[in-house]
Amino acid sequence: MKESTLHLVLRLRGGAKKCKKKTYTKPKKIKHKHKKVKLALLQFYKVDDSGKVQRLRKECPNAERGAGTFMANHFDRHYCGKCGLTYVYQKAGGD
């Protein structure tokens, strides 16, 4: 019987060097923090002397939203934050 030598070929695991740690050039972006407005409900309704309640904001007409979903008043539009519906004001000059 012949003497034979066995050659084992093993794959190198993690043969490459470690990656150099990144050095960041710009500072981290500061995210917007939500500002809590106390008694914010007072901006949506007005109660007169006789006790009649008047809504100050336009309600969203989308049927899925239901009553009580108000649209935001911007200087040039009404905007619903839930469904994204936007009504842009017409310019008086006719531009």
C-alpha atoms as a PDB file:
ATOM      1  CA  MET A   1       0.000   0.000   0.000  1.00  0.00           C
ATOM      2  CA  LYS A   2       1.264   3.423  -0.980  1.00  0.00           C
ATOM      3  CA  GLU A   3       1.692   6.195   1.484  1.00  0.00           C
ATOM      4  CA  SER A   4      -0.395   9.158   0.455  1.00  0.00           C
ATOM      5  CA  THR A   5      -0.580  12.621   1.889  1.00  0.00           C
ATOM      6  CA  LEU A   6      -3.863  14.378   2.289  1.00  0.00           C
ATOM      7  CA  HIS A   7      -4.025  18.075   1.463  1.00  0.00           C
ATOM      8  CA  LEU A   8      -6.726  20.011   3.249  1.00  0.00           C
ATOM      9  CA  VAL A   9      -7.704  23.328   1.710  1.00  0.00           C
ATOM     10  CA  LEU A  10      -9.572  25.502   4.196  1.00  0.00           C
ATOM     11  CA  ARG A  11     -11.208  28.798   3.326  1.00  0.00           C
ATOM     12  CA  LEU A  12      -9.882  31.789   5.187  1.00  0.00           C
ATOM     13  CA  ARG A  13     -12.575  33.347   7.305  1.00  0.00           C
ATOM     14  CA  GLY A  14     -12.257  37.053   7.878  1.00  0.00           C
ATOM     15  CA  GLY A  15      -9.000  37.272   6.054  1.00  0.00           C
ATOM     16  CA  ALA A  16      -9.161  41.008   5.469  1.00  0.00           C
ATOM     17  CA  LYS A  17      -8.054  43.662   7.943  1.00  0.00           C
ATOM     18  CA  LYS A  18     -10.433  45.602  10.157  1.00  0.00           C
ATOM     19  CA  CYS A  19     -12.069  48.677   8.642  1.00  0.00           C
ATOM     20  CA  LYS A  20     -10.779  52.007   9.873  1.00  0.00           C
ATOM     21  CA  LYS A  21     -13.261  53.927  12.023  1.00  0.00           C
ATOM     22  CA  LYS A  22     -15.082  56.702  10.152  1.00  0.00           C
ATOM     23  CA  THR A  23     -14.430  60.317  11.034  1.00  0.00           C
ATOM     24  CA  TYR A  24     -17.530  62.376  10.412  1.00  0.00           C
ATOM     25  CA  THR A  25     -17.058  65.802   8.847  1.00  0.00           C
ATOM     26  CA  LYS A  26     -20.445  67.445   9.501  1.00  0.00           C
ATOM     27  CA  PRO A  27     -22.312  67.580  12.818  1.00  0.00           C
ATOM     28  CA  LYS A  28     -25.495  65.573  13.275  1.00  0.00           C
ATOM     29  CA  LYS A  29     -28.725  67.132  11.996  1.00  0.00           C
ATOM     30  CA  ILE A  30     -30.892  68.517  14.788  1.00  0.00           C
ATOM     31  CA  LYS A  31     -34.395  67.101  14.409  1.00  0.00           C
ATOM     32  CA  HIS A  32     -37.540  69.174  14.894  1.00  0.00           C
ATOM     33  CA  LYS A  33     -39.115  68.728  18.318  1.00  0.00           C
ATOM     34  CA  HIS A  34     -42.903  68.761  18.633  1.00  0.00           C
ATOM     35  CA  LYS A  35     -44.045  71.765  20.640  1.00  0.00           C
ATOM     36  CA  LYS A  36     -46.970  71.108  22.971  1.00  0.00           C
ATOM     37  CA  VAL A  37     -49.449  73.988  23.046  1.00  0.00           C
ATOM     38  CA  LYS A  38     -51.438  74.232  26.260  1.00  0.00           C
ATOM     39  CA  LEU A  39     -55.222  74.574  25.821  1.00  0.00           C
ATOM     40  CA  ALA A  40     -54.870  74.215  22.042  1.00  0.00           C
ATOM     41  CA  LEU A  41     -58.569  73.376  21.778  1.00  0.00           C
ATOM     42  CA  LEU A  42     -59.409  77.035  22.400  1.00  0.00           C
ATOM     43  CA  GLN A  43     -58.099  77.860  18.917  1.00  0.00           C
ATOM     44  CA  PHE A  44     -60.738  75.671  17.234  1.00  0.00           C
ATOM     45  CA  TYR A  45     -63.977  76.830  18.886  1.00  0.00           C
ATOM     46  CA  LYS A  46     -65.505  80.089  20.100  1.00  0.00           C
ATOM     47  CA  VAL A  47     -68.420  80.275  22.533  1.00  0.00           C
ATOM     48  CA  ASP A  48     -70.503  83.459  22.526  1.00  0.00           C
ATOM     49  CA  ASP A  49     -72.511  84.923  25.430  1.00  0.00           C
ATOM     50  CA  SER A  50     -75.655  82.924  24.625  1.00  0.00           C
ATOM     51  CA  GLY A  51     -73.704  79.633  24.770  1.00  0.00           C
ATOM     52  CA  LYS A  52     -73.679  79.008  21.027  1.00  0.00           C
ATOM     53  CA  VAL A  53     -70.512  77.236  19.821  1.00  0.00           C
ATOM     54  CA  GLN A  54     -68.884  78.424  16.607  1.00  0.00           C
ATOM     55  CA  ARG A  55     -66.120  76.556  14.774  1.00  0.00           C
ATOM     56  CA  LEU A  56     -63.197  78.804  13.884  1.00  0.00           C
ATOM     57  CA  ARG A  57     -61.399  76.403  11.520  1.00  0.00           C
ATOM     58  CA  LYS A  58     -62.588  74.755   8.316  1.00  0.00           C
ATOM     59  CA  GLU A  59     -63.451  71.056   8.703  1.00  0.00           C
ATOM     60  CA  CYS A  60     -62.024  68.448   6.347  1.00  0.00           C
ATOM     61  CA  PRO A  61     -64.777  67.228   3.969  1.00  0.00           C
ATOM     62  CA  ASN A  62     -63.184  63.778   3.571  1.00  0.00           C
ATOM     63  CA  ALA A  63     -65.742  61.177   4.720  1.00  0.00           C
ATOM     64  CA  GLU A  64     -63.100  58.884   6.250  1.00  0.00           C
ATOM     65  CA  ARG A  65     -61.878  61.576   8.652  1.00  0.00           C
ATOM     66  CA  GLY A  66     -65.282  62.331  10.163  1.00  0.00           C
ATOM     67  CA  ALA A  67     -66.417  65.448  11.969  1.00  0.00           C
ATOM     68  CA  GLY A  68     -63.973  67.292  14.181  1.00  0.00           C
ATOM     69  CA  THR A  69     -60.962  67.002  11.882  1.00  0.00           C
ATOM     70  CA  PHE A  70     -59.964  70.579  11.253  1.00  0.00           C
ATOM     71  CA  MET A  71     -57.804  71.947   8.465  1.00  0.00           C
ATOM     72  CA  ALA A  72     -54.775  74.098   9.218  1.00  0.00           C
ATOM     73  CA  ASN A  73     -54.928  77.797   8.356  1.00  0.00           C
ATOM     74  CA  HIS A  74     -51.870  78.924   6.406  1.00  0.00           C
ATOM     75  CA  PHE A  75     -51.361  82.336   4.832  1.00  0.00           C
ATOM     76  CA  ASP A  76     -52.180  81.018   1.335  1.00  0.00           C
ATOM     77  CA  ARG A  77     -54.094  77.739   1.845  1.00  0.00           C
ATOM     78  CA  HIS A  78     -56.133  75.381   4.037  1.00  0.00           C
ATOM     79  CA  TYR A  79     -54.389  72.027   4.645  1.00  0.00           C
ATOM     80  CA  CYS A  80     -55.561  68.761   6.232  1.00  0.00           C
ATOM     81  CA  GLY A  81     -52.704  67.074   8.087  1.00  0.00           C
ATOM     82  CA  LYS A  82     -54.357  63.652   8.106  1.00  0.00           C
ATOM     83  CA  CYS A  83     -55.296  63.146   4.444  1.00  0.00           C
ATOM     84  CA  GLY A  84     -53.210  65.868   2.746  1.00  0.00           C
ATOM     85  CA  LEU A  85     -56.147  67.708   1.153  1.00  0.00           C
ATOM     86  CA  THR A  86     -55.206  71.291   0.251  1.00  0.00           C
ATOM     87  CA  TYR A  87     -57.356  74.261  -0.754  1.00  0.00           C
ATOM     88  CA  VAL A  88     -55.299  77.165  -2.144  1.00  0.00           C
ATOM     89  CA  TYR A  89     -56.753  80.672  -1.862  1.00  0.00           C
ATOM     90  CA  GLN A  90     -57.565  82.511  -5.094  1.00  0.00           C
ATOM     91  CA  LYS A  91     -55.533  85.664  -5.649  1.00  0.00           C
ATOM     92  CA  ALA A  92     -57.611  88.854  -5.804  1.00  0.00           C
ATOM     93  CA  GLY A  93     -55.558  90.411  -8.635  1.00  0.00           C
ATOM     94  CA  GLY A  94     -56.279  87.561 -11.075  1.00  0.00           C
ATOM     95  CA  ASP A  95     -52.588  86.784 -11.669  1.00  0.00           C
END
